[in-house]
PDB file of N, CA and C in Angstrom:
ATOM      1  N   MET A   1     131.584  79.371 109.574  1.00  0.00           N
ATOM      2  CA  MET A   1     131.544  81.240 109.798  1.00  0.00           C
ATOM      3  C   MET A   1     130.543  81.596 108.675  1.00  0.00           C
ATOM      4  N   ALA A   2     130.689  81.338 107.524  1.00  0.00           N
ATOM      5  CA  ALA A   2     130.580  81.968 105.430  1.00  0.00           C
ATOM      6  C   ALA A   2     129.070  81.417 105.749  1.00  0.00           C
ATOM      7  N   LYS A   3     128.730  80.004 106.310  1.00  0.00           N
ATOM      8  CA  LYS A   3     127.311  79.641 106.505  1.00  0.00           C
ATOM      9  C   LYS A   3     126.642  80.324 107.692  1.00  0.00           C
ATOM     10  N   ASN A   4     126.944  80.619 108.275  1.00  0.00           N
ATOM     11  CA  ASN A   4     125.758  81.771 109.514  1.00  0.00           C
ATOM     12  C   ASN A   4     125.867  83.226 108.860  1.00  0.00           C
ATOM     13  N   ASP A   5     126.644  83.381 108.271  1.00  0.00           N
ATOM     14  CA  ASP A   5     126.117  84.727 107.750  1.00  0.00           C
ATOM     15  C   ASP A   5     125.745  84.749 106.159  1.00  0.00           C
ATOM     16  N   ASP A   6     125.579  83.771 105.448  1.00  0.00           N
ATOM     17  CA  ASP A   6     124.748  83.911 104.859  1.00  0.00           C
ATOM     18  C   ASP A   6     123.357  83.370 105.099  1.00  0.00           C
ATOM     19  N   LEU A   7     122.862  83.101 106.007  1.00  0.00           N
ATOM     20  CA  LEU A   7     121.269  82.956 106.770  1.00  0.00           C
ATOM     21  C   LEU A   7     121.605  84.208 107.749  1.00  0.00           C
ATOM     22  N   PHE A   8     122.495  84.106 108.670  1.00  0.00           N
ATOM     23  CA  PHE A   8     121.553  86.111 108.815  1.00  0.00           C
ATOM     24  C   PHE A   8     121.092  86.877 107.959  1.00  0.00           C
ATOM     25  N   LYS A   9     122.126  87.143 106.554  1.00  0.00           N
ATOM     26  CA  LYS A   9     121.551  88.308 105.549  1.00  0.00           C
ATOM     27  C   LYS A   9     120.611  88.008 105.095  1.00  0.00           C
ATOM     28  N   THR A  10     120.939  86.641 104.884  1.00  0.00           N
ATOM     29  CA  THR A  10     119.153  86.043 103.791  1.00  0.00           C
ATOM     30  C   THR A  10     117.580  86.105 104.722  1.00  0.00           C
ATOM     31  N   LEU A  11     118.378  85.695 106.750  1.00  0.00           N
ATOM     32  CA  LEU A  11     117.066  86.981 107.579  1.00  0.00           C
ATOM     33  C   LEU A  11     116.786  88.068 107.464  1.00  0.00           C
ATOM     34  N   ARG A  12     117.507  88.933 107.555  1.00  0.00           N
ATOM     35  CA  ARG A  12     117.786  90.538 107.317  1.00  0.00           C
ATOM     36  C   ARG A  12     117.697  90.352 106.009  1.00  0.00           C
ATOM     37  N   LYS A  13     117.497  89.863 104.856  1.00  0.00           N
ATOM     38  CA  LYS A  13     116.720  90.208 103.910  1.00  0.00           C
ATOM     39  C   LYS A  13     115.732  90.245 103.605  1.00  0.00           C
ATOM     40  N   GLN A  14     114.889  88.981 104.552  1.00  0.00           N
ATOM     41  CA  GLN A  14     113.399  88.648 104.667  1.00  0.00           C
ATOM     42  C   GLN A  14     113.557  89.952 105.884  1.00  0.00           C
ATOM     43  N   GLY A  15     113.155  91.062 106.838  1.00  0.00           N
ATOM     44  CA  GLY A  15     112.987  91.492 107.418  1.00  0.00           C
ATOM     45  C   GLY A  15     112.770  91.796 108.512  1.00  0.00           C
ATOM     46  N   LEU A  16     113.815  90.317 109.150  1.00  0.00           N
ATOM     47  CA  LEU A  16     113.838  89.797 110.856  1.00  0.00           C
ATOM     48  C   LEU A  16     115.055  91.039 111.005  1.00  0.00           C
ATOM     49  N   ARG A  17     114.507  90.893 113.048  1.00  0.00           N
ATOM     50  CA  ARG A  17     115.073  91.920 112.843  1.00  0.00           C
ATOM     51  C   ARG A  17     116.375  91.202 113.130  1.00  0.00           C
ATOM     52  N   LYS A  18     117.922  92.442 113.834  1.00  0.00           N
ATOM     53  CA  LYS A  18     119.223  92.276 113.455  1.00  0.00           C
ATOM     54  C   LYS A  18     119.289  91.265 114.567  1.00  0.00           C
ATOM     55  N   SER A  19     118.757  91.212 115.650  1.00  0.00           N
ATOM     56  CA  SER A  19     119.252  90.291 116.671  1.00  0.00           C
ATOM     57  C   SER A  19     118.213  89.059 116.565  1.00  0.00           C
ATOM     58  N   VAL A  20     117.729  88.720 116.632  1.00  0.00           N
ATOM     59  CA  VAL A  20     116.964  87.432 115.653  1.00  0.00           C
ATOM     60  C   VAL A  20     117.603  87.087 114.975  1.00  0.00           C
ATOM     61  N   ALA A  21     117.462  87.701 114.180  1.00  0.00           N
ATOM     62  CA  ALA A  21     118.241  86.381 112.823  1.00  0.00           C
ATOM     63  C   ALA A  21     119.765  85.970 113.303  1.00  0.00           C
ATOM     64  N   LYS A  22     120.656  86.412 114.304  1.00  0.00           N
ATOM     65  CA  LYS A  22     121.422  86.614 114.114  1.00  0.00           C
ATOM     66  C   LYS A  22     121.752  85.845 115.686  1.00  0.00           C
ATOM     67  N   ALA A  23     120.851  85.804 116.030  1.00  0.00           N
ATOM     68  CA  ALA A  23     120.313  84.426 117.198  1.00  0.00           C
ATOM     69  C   ALA A  23     120.187  83.005 116.481  1.00  0.00           C
ATOM     70  N   VAL A  24     118.947  83.378 115.403  1.00  0.00           N
ATOM     71  CA  VAL A  24     118.639  82.515 114.431  1.00  0.00           C
ATOM     72  C   VAL A  24     120.236  81.423 114.204  1.00  0.00           C
ATOM     73  N   ALA A  25     121.272  82.209 113.765  1.00  0.00           N
ATOM     74  CA  ALA A  25     121.909  82.096 112.754  1.00  0.00           C
ATOM     75  C   ALA A  25     123.498  81.552 113.294  1.00  0.00           C
ATOM     76  N   ASP A  26     122.978  81.877 115.106  1.00  0.00           N
ATOM     77  CA  ASP A  26     123.851  81.444 115.403  1.00  0.00           C
ATOM     78  C   ASP A  26     124.083  79.820 116.504  1.00  0.00           C
ATOM     79  N   ALA A  27     122.809  79.590 116.754  1.00  0.00           N
ATOM     80  CA  ALA A  27     122.380  78.617 117.064  1.00  0.00           C
ATOM     81  C   ALA A  27     122.368  77.652 116.060  1.00  0.00           C
ATOM     82  N   GLU A  28     121.978  77.747 114.477  1.00  0.00           N
ATOM     83  CA  GLU A  28     122.470  76.984 113.831  1.00  0.00           C
ATOM     84  C   GLU A  28     123.590  76.293 113.283  1.00  0.00           C
ATOM     85  N   GLY A  29     124.679  77.687 114.133  1.00  0.00           N
ATOM     86  CA  GLY A  29     125.537  76.254 113.151  1.00  0.00           C
ATOM     87  C   GLY A  29     126.243  76.584 114.388  1.00  0.00           C
ATOM     88  N   ALA A  30     126.075  76.402 115.781  1.00  0.00           N
ATOM     89  CA  ALA A  30     126.011  76.140 116.694  1.00  0.00           C
ATOM     90  C   ALA A  30     126.487  74.475 117.108  1.00  0.00           C
ATOM     91  N   GLY A  31     125.247  74.076 116.425  1.00  0.00           N
ATOM     92  CA  GLY A  31     125.805  72.874 116.099  1.00  0.00           C
ATOM     93  C   GLY A  31     125.207  71.908 117.901  1.00  0.00           C
ATOM     94  N   LYS A  32     125.694  70.358 117.890  1.00  0.00           N
ATOM     95  CA  LYS A  32     125.344  70.325 119.070  1.00  0.00           C
ATOM     96  C   LYS A  32     126.473  70.988 120.673  1.00  0.00           C
ATOM     97  N   LYS A  33     127.607  71.505 120.278  1.00  0.00           N
ATOM     98  CA  LYS A  33     128.801  71.461 121.618  1.00  0.00           C
ATOM     99  C   LYS A  33     127.462  73.371 121.460  1.00  0.00           C
ATOM    100  N   GLY A  34     126.653  73.585 120.803  1.00  0.00           N
ATOM    101  CA  GLY A  34     126.494  74.810 121.069  1.00  0.00           C
ATOM    102  C   GLY A  34     125.915  75.773 121.875  1.00  0.00           C
ATOM    103  N   SER A  35     125.916  76.630 122.826  1.00  0.00           N
ATOM    104  CA  SER A  35     125.021  76.663 124.560  1.00  0.00           C
ATOM    105  C   SER A  35     123.706  76.572 124.294  1.00  0.00           C
ATOM    106  N   GLY A  36     123.177  76.146 125.023  1.00  0.00           N
ATOM    107  CA  GLY A  36     121.690  76.105 124.750  1.00  0.00           C
ATOM    108  C   GLY A  36     120.241  77.333 125.061  1.00  0.00           C
ATOM    109  N   LYS A  37     121.894  78.617 125.712  1.00  0.00           N
ATOM    110  CA  LYS A  37     120.962  79.587 125.293  1.00  0.00           C
ATOM    111  C   LYS A  37     120.295  79.692 124.123  1.00  0.00           C
ATOM    112  N   ALA A  38     121.662  80.005 122.650  1.00  0.00           N
ATOM    113  CA  ALA A  38     121.046  80.578 121.792  1.00  0.00           C
ATOM    114  C   ALA A  38     120.348  79.664 121.158  1.00  0.00           C
ATOM    115  N   GLU A  39     120.311  78.040 121.778  1.00  0.00           N
ATOM    116  CA  GLU A  39     118.958  76.991 120.684  1.00  0.00           C
ATOM    117  C   GLU A  39     117.573  78.037 121.378  1.00  0.00           C
ATOM    118  N   ALA A  40     117.843  78.372 122.580  1.00  0.00           N
ATOM    119  CA  ALA A  40     116.738  78.468 122.628  1.00  0.00           C
ATOM    120  C   ALA A  40     116.182  79.800 122.485  1.00  0.00           C
ATOM    121  N   LEU A  41     116.734  80.975 122.275  1.00  0.00           N
ATOM    122  CA  LEU A  41     116.340  82.591 121.780  1.00  0.00           C
ATOM    123  C   LEU A  41     116.039  81.924 119.690  1.00  0.00           C
ATOM    124  N   ALA A  42     116.314  80.454 119.585  1.00  0.00           N
ATOM    125  CA  ALA A  42     116.254  80.568 118.800  1.00  0.00           C
ATOM    126  C   ALA A  42     114.563  80.019 118.015  1.00  0.00           C
ATOM    127  N   ARG A  43     114.816  79.365 119.295  1.00  0.00           N
ATOM    128  CA  ARG A  43     113.881  78.088 118.993  1.00  0.00           C
ATOM    129  C   ARG A  43     112.429  79.252 119.750  1.00  0.00           C
ATOM    130  N   ASN A  44     112.616  80.148 120.715  1.00  0.00           N
ATOM    131  CA  ASN A  44     111.266  81.588 120.936  1.00  0.00           C
ATOM    132  C   ASN A  44     110.833  82.124 119.302  1.00  0.00           C
ATOM    133  N   ALA A  45     112.282  82.313 118.740  1.00  0.00           N
ATOM    134  CA  ALA A  45     112.076  83.738 116.915  1.00  0.00           C
ATOM    135  C   ALA A  45     110.589  82.372 116.483  1.00  0.00           C
ATOM    136  N   ILE A  46     111.200  81.832 116.528  1.00  0.00           N
ATOM    137  CA  ILE A  46     110.921  80.299 115.644  1.00  0.00           C
ATOM    138  C   ILE A  46     109.546  80.806 116.061  1.00  0.00           C
ATOM    139  N   LYS A  47     108.922  80.348 117.361  1.00  0.00           N
ATOM    140  CA  LYS A  47     107.652  80.042 117.764  1.00  0.00           C
ATOM    141  C   LYS A  47     106.998  81.781 117.871  1.00  0.00           C
ATOM    142  N   ASP A  48     107.198  83.071 117.267  1.00  0.00           N
ATOM    143  CA  ASP A  48     107.041  83.777 117.200  1.00  0.00           C
ATOM    144  C   ASP A  48     106.318  84.910 115.805  1.00  0.00           C
ATOM    145  N   LEU A  49     106.975  83.520 115.315  1.00  0.00           N
ATOM    146  CA  LEU A  49     106.974  84.027 114.187  1.00  0.00           C
ATOM    147  C   LEU A  49     105.878  83.385 113.914  1.00  0.00           C
ATOM    148  N   ASN A  50     106.206  81.639 113.895  1.00  0.00           N
ATOM    149  CA  ASN A  50     104.738  81.137 112.769  1.00  0.00           C
ATOM    150  C   ASN A  50     103.277  82.201 113.167  1.00  0.00           C
ATOM    151  N   LYS A  51     103.937  82.318 114.754  1.00  0.00           N
ATOM    152  CA  LYS A  51     102.608  83.236 115.031  1.00  0.00           C
ATOM    153  C   LYS A  51     102.522  84.370 114.822  1.00  0.00           C
ATOM    154  N   ALA A  52     103.661  85.063 113.742  1.00  0.00           N
ATOM    155  CA  ALA A  52     102.877  86.017 113.334  1.00  0.00           C
ATOM    156  C   ALA A  52     102.012  86.005 112.070  1.00  0.00           C
ATOM    157  N   GLY A  53     102.275  84.665 111.347  1.00  0.00           N
ATOM    158  CA  GLY A  53     102.625  83.740 110.067  1.00  0.00           C
ATOM    159  C   GLY A  53     100.669  83.641 110.337  1.00  0.00           C
ATOM    160  N   ASP A  54     100.370  83.083 111.756  1.00  0.00           N
ATOM    161  CA  ASP A  54      99.325  82.656 111.811  1.00  0.00           C
ATOM    162  C   ASP A  54      97.854  83.331 112.196  1.00  0.00           C
ATOM    163  N   ALA A  55      98.376  84.529 112.403  1.00  0.00           N
ATOM    164  CA  ALA A  55      97.367  86.104 112.528  1.00  0.00           C
ATOM    165  C   ALA A  55      97.062  86.832 111.289  1.00  0.00           C
ATOM    166  N   ILE A  56      98.396  86.986 110.149  1.00  0.00           N
ATOM    167  CA  ILE A  56      98.477  87.931 108.848  1.00  0.00           C
ATOM    168  C   ILE A  56      97.609  86.131 107.836  1.00  0.00           C
ATOM    169  N   ARG A  57      97.447  84.608 108.026  1.00  0.00           N
ATOM    170  CA  ARG A  57      96.743  83.986 107.921  1.00  0.00           C
ATOM    171  C   ARG A  57      95.407  85.057 108.343  1.00  0.00           C
ATOM    172  N   ALA A  58      95.394  84.627 109.197  1.00  0.00           N
ATOM    173  CA  ALA A  58      94.289  84.261 109.985  1.00  0.00           C
ATOM    174  C   ALA A  58      93.181  85.565 109.153  1.00  0.00           C
ATOM    175  N   ARG A  59      93.874  87.049 109.054  1.00  0.00           N
ATOM    176  CA  ARG A  59      93.679  88.210 108.940  1.00  0.00           C
ATOM    177  C   ARG A  59      93.480  87.667 107.029  1.00  0.00           C
ATOM    178  N   VAL A  60      94.133  87.386 105.927  1.00  0.00           N
ATOM    179  CA  VAL A  60      93.931  87.266 105.464  1.00  0.00           C
ATOM    180  C   VAL A  60      93.402  86.604 104.325  1.00  0.00           C
ATOM    181  N   LEU A  61      93.640  85.415 104.914  1.00  0.00           N
ATOM    182  CA  LEU A  61      92.777  84.421 104.203  1.00  0.00           C
ATOM    183  C   LEU A  61      91.373  84.766 104.612  1.00  0.00           C
ATOM    184  N   ASP A  62      91.287  84.549 105.920  1.00  0.00           N
ATOM    185  CA  ASP A  62      89.925  83.998 106.544  1.00  0.00           C
ATOM    186  C   ASP A  62      88.732  85.472 107.278  1.00  0.00           C
ATOM    187  N   GLY A  63      88.666  86.365 105.121  1.00  0.00           N
ATOM    188  CA  GLY A  63      87.866  87.080 105.578  1.00  0.00           C
ATOM    189  C   GLY A  63      86.333  87.172 106.107  1.00  0.00           C
ATOM    190  N   GLY A  64      86.299  86.075 106.121  1.00  0.00           N
ATOM    191  CA  GLY A  64      84.396  85.688 105.973  1.00  0.00           C
ATOM    192  C   GLY A  64      84.773  86.396 107.084  1.00  0.00           C
ATOM    193  N   LYS A  65      85.057  85.895 108.514  1.00  0.00           N
ATOM    194  CA  LYS A  65      84.852  86.259 109.196  1.00  0.00           C
ATOM    195  C   LYS A  65      83.957  87.931 109.315  1.00  0.00           C
ATOM    196  N   ARG A  66      84.943  87.975 108.710  1.00  0.00           N
ATOM    197  CA  ARG A  66      83.996  89.636 109.211  1.00  0.00           C
ATOM    198  C   ARG A  66      83.001  90.617 108.537  1.00  0.00           C
ATOM    199  N   SER A  67      82.790  89.388 107.100  1.00  0.00           N
ATOM    200  CA  SER A  67      81.394  89.596 106.966  1.00  0.00           C
ATOM    201  C   SER A  67      79.958  88.601 107.264  1.00  0.00           C
ATOM    202  N   LYS A  68      80.507  87.896 108.126  1.00  0.00           N
ATOM    203  CA  LYS A  68      79.926  87.518 108.626  1.00  0.00           C
ATOM    204  C   LYS A  68      79.135  87.993 109.343  1.00  0.00           C
ATOM    205  N   ALA A  69      79.931  88.818 110.573  1.00  0.00           N
ATOM    206  CA  ALA A  69      79.702  89.705 111.872  1.00  0.00           C
ATOM    207  C   ALA A  69      79.457  90.405 111.342  1.00  0.00           C
ATOM    208  N   ALA A  70      79.528  91.022 110.284  1.00  0.00           N
ATOM    209  CA  ALA A  70      78.474  92.203 109.335  1.00  0.00           C
ATOM    210  C   ALA A  70      77.394  91.578 109.647  1.00  0.00           C
ATOM    211  N   LYS A  71      77.425  90.938 108.671  1.00  0.00           N
ATOM    212  CA  LYS A  71      75.937  90.447 108.341  1.00  0.00           C
ATOM    213  C   LYS A  71      74.865  90.399 109.808  1.00  0.00           C
ATOM    214  N   LYS A  72      75.789  89.579 110.883  1.00  0.00           N
ATOM    215  CA  LYS A  72      75.049  89.548 112.056  1.00  0.00           C
ATOM    216  C   LYS A  72      74.359  90.786 112.140  1.00  0.00           C
ATOM    217  N   ALA A  73      74.982  92.289 113.126  1.00  0.00           N
ATOM    218  CA  ALA A  73      75.027  92.914 112.969  1.00  0.00           C
ATOM    219  C   ALA A  73      73.824  94.247 112.207  1.00  0.00           C
ATOM    220  N   ALA A  74      73.944  93.714 110.840  1.00  0.00           N
ATOM    221  CA  ALA A  74      72.034  93.908 109.589  1.00  0.00           C
ATOM    222  C   ALA A  74      71.415  93.653 110.439  1.00  0.00           C
ATOM    223  N   ALA A  75      71.731  92.461 110.410  1.00  0.00           N
ATOM    224  CA  ALA A  75      69.828  91.213 110.702  1.00  0.00           C
ATOM    225  C   ALA A  75      69.748  92.367 112.199  1.00  0.00           C
ATOM    226  N   THR A  76      70.283  92.222 113.055  1.00  0.00           N
ATOM    227  CA  THR A  76      70.441  92.581 114.174  1.00  0.00           C
ATOM    228  C   THR A  76      69.445  93.981 114.153  1.00  0.00           C
ATOM    229  N   ARG A  77      70.075  95.043 113.688  1.00  0.00           N
ATOM    230  CA  ARG A  77      69.312  96.243 113.326  1.00  0.00           C
ATOM    231  C   ARG A  77      67.746  95.978 112.684  1.00  0.00           C
ATOM    232  N   LYS A  78      68.099  95.429 111.550  1.00  0.00           N
ATOM    233  CA  LYS A  78      66.790  95.425 110.703  1.00  0.00           C
ATOM    234  C   LYS A  78      66.107  95.045 111.927  1.00  0.00           C
ATOM    235  N   ARG A  79      66.173  93.824 112.441  1.00  0.00           N
ATOM    236  CA  ARG A  79      64.737  93.124 113.533  1.00  0.00           C
ATOM    237  C   ARG A  79      65.147  94.306 115.061  1.00  0.00           C
ATOM    238  N   ASP A  80      65.184  94.596 115.312  1.00  0.00           N
ATOM    239  CA  ASP A  80      64.979  95.654 116.364  1.00  0.00           C
ATOM    240  C   ASP A  80      64.201  97.019 115.719  1.00  0.00           C
ATOM    241  N   ALA A  81      64.559  96.999 114.355  1.00  0.00           N
ATOM    242  CA  ALA A  81      64.238  98.551 113.580  1.00  0.00           C
ATOM    243  C   ALA A  81      62.358  97.797 113.829  1.00  0.00           C
ATOM    244  N   ALA A  82      62.607  96.274 113.525  1.00  0.00           N
ATOM    245  CA  ALA A  82      61.311  95.862 112.637  1.00  0.00           C
ATOM    246  C   ALA A  82      60.200  96.162 114.136  1.00  0.00           C
ATOM    247  N   LYS A  83      61.546  95.426 115.452  1.00  0.00           N
ATOM    248  CA  LYS A  83      60.576  95.786 116.952  1.00  0.00           C
ATOM    249  C   LYS A  83      60.044  97.007 117.123  1.00  0.00           C
ATOM    250  N   ARG A  84      60.862  98.280 117.146  1.00  0.00           N
ATOM    251  CA  ARG A  84      60.232  99.528 117.186  1.00  0.00           C
ATOM    252  C   ARG A  84      58.790 100.130 116.309  1.00  0.00           C
ATOM    253  N   SER A  85      59.467  99.995 115.409  1.00  0.00           N
ATOM    254  CA  SER A  85      57.414 100.385 113.925  1.00  0.00           C
ATOM    255  C   SER A  85      56.658  99.597 114.501  1.00  0.00           C
ATOM    256  N   ALA A  86      56.757  98.504 115.059  1.00  0.00           N
ATOM    257  CA  ALA A  86      55.514  97.450 115.660  1.00  0.00           C
ATOM    258  C   ALA A  86      55.050  97.934 117.361  1.00  0.00           C
ATOM    259  N   ALA A  87      56.040  98.361 117.737  1.00  0.00           N
ATOM    260  CA  ALA A  87      55.616  99.507 119.224  1.00  0.00           C
ATOM    261  C   ALA A  87      54.907 100.816 119.123  1.00  0.00           C
ATOM    262  N   ALA A  88      55.703 101.323 117.577  1.00  0.00           N
ATOM    263  CA  ALA A  88      54.830 102.580 117.642  1.00  0.00           C
ATOM    264  C   ALA A  88      53.573 103.320 116.905  1.00  0.00           C
ATOM    265  N   LYS A  89      53.516 101.577 116.584  1.00  0.00           N
ATOM    266  CA  LYS A  89      51.863 100.893 115.142  1.00  0.00           C
ATOM    267  C   LYS A  89      50.836 100.656 116.944  1.00  0.00           C
ATOM    268  N   ARG A  90      51.137  99.909 117.774  1.00  0.00           N
ATOM    269  CA  ARG A  90      50.538 100.119 118.301  1.00  0.00           C
ATOM    270  C   ARG A  90      49.914 101.120 119.526  1.00  0.00           C
ATOM    271  N   GLY A  91      51.027 101.556 119.713  1.00  0.00           N
ATOM    272  CA  GLY A  91      50.614 103.316 120.719  1.00  0.00           C
ATOM    273  C   GLY A  91      50.244 103.632 119.728  1.00  0.00           C
ATOM    274  N   ALA A  92      50.458 104.162 118.481  1.00  0.00           N
ATOM    275  CA  ALA A  92      49.112 104.871 117.862  1.00  0.00           C
ATOM    276  C   ALA A  92      47.619 104.598 117.399  1.00  0.00           C
ATOM    277  N   ALA A  93      47.746 103.346 117.774  1.00  0.00           N
ATOM    278  CA  ALA A  93      46.769 103.073 117.227  1.00  0.00           C
ATOM    279  C   ALA A  93      45.890 102.774 118.990  1.00  0.00           C
ATOM    280  N   THR A  94      45.855 102.911 120.194  1.00  0.00           N
ATOM    281  CA  THR A  94      45.873 103.020 121.564  1.00  0.00           C
ATOM    282  C   THR A  94      45.605 104.994 121.423  1.00  0.00           C
ATOM    283  N   ARG A  95      46.517 105.503 121.337  1.00  0.00           N
ATOM    284  CA  ARG A  95      45.997 106.470 120.303  1.00  0.00           C
ATOM    285  C   ARG A  95      44.988 107.165 119.874  1.00  0.00           C
ATOM    286  N   LYS A  96      45.088 106.905 119.058  1.00  0.00           N
ATOM    287  CA  LYS A  96      43.709 106.954 118.819  1.00  0.00           C
ATOM    288  C   LYS A  96      42.156 105.804 118.940  1.00  0.00           C
ATOM    289  N   ARG A  97      42.191 105.255 119.434  1.00  0.00           N
ATOM    290  CA  ARG A  97      41.111 104.572 120.165  1.00  0.00           C
ATOM    291  C   ARG A  97      40.467 105.435 121.050  1.00  0.00           C
ATOM    292  N   ASN A  98      41.077 106.100 122.024  1.00  0.00           N
ATOM    293  CA  ASN A  98      41.350 106.111 123.158  1.00  0.00           C
ATOM    294  C   ASN A  98      41.582 107.672 122.508  1.00  0.00           C
ATOM    295  N   ALA A  99      41.466 108.217 121.515  1.00  0.00           N
ATOM    296  CA  ALA A  99      40.895 109.728 121.033  1.00  0.00           C
ATOM    297  C   ALA A  99      39.415 110.249 119.994  1.00  0.00           C
ATOM    298  N   ALA A 100      39.231 109.061 120.984  1.00  0.00           N
ATOM    299  CA  ALA A 100      37.851 108.640 120.067  1.00  0.00           C
ATOM    300  C   ALA A 100      36.929 107.795 121.193  1.00  0.00           C
ATOM    301  N   LYS A 101      37.402 108.071 121.644  1.00  0.00           N
ATOM    302  CA  LYS A 101      37.136 107.722 122.974  1.00  0.00           C
ATOM    303  C   LYS A 101      36.051 108.856 123.675  1.00  0.00           C
ATOM    304  N   ARG A 102      37.092 109.177 123.833  1.00  0.00           N
ATOM    305  CA  ARG A 102      37.687 111.518 124.299  1.00  0.00           C
ATOM    306  C   ARG A 102      35.859 112.100 123.341  1.00  0.00           C
TER     307      ARG A 102
END
């Protein structure tokens, strides 16, 4: 029981919720005779923690994705502005030509 209690306390100090820490500690101490339910809860907790870790890694370590998107958006805005400018110049030239004919 002391081993379970140590694991429980360690998990709680790491910020795990009480119910999850208890499920993991119980599954660890149950051994082969333990219930499958405790082991299943522990496995689900591990999967959830791995997903959370992956999400954190993706946001912190792969920060370049966001800047790539920002660069792409800036290039798109610049390209669209150039199109508008070219269209405005064509329109101004047309108006100038039509005004000279009148």
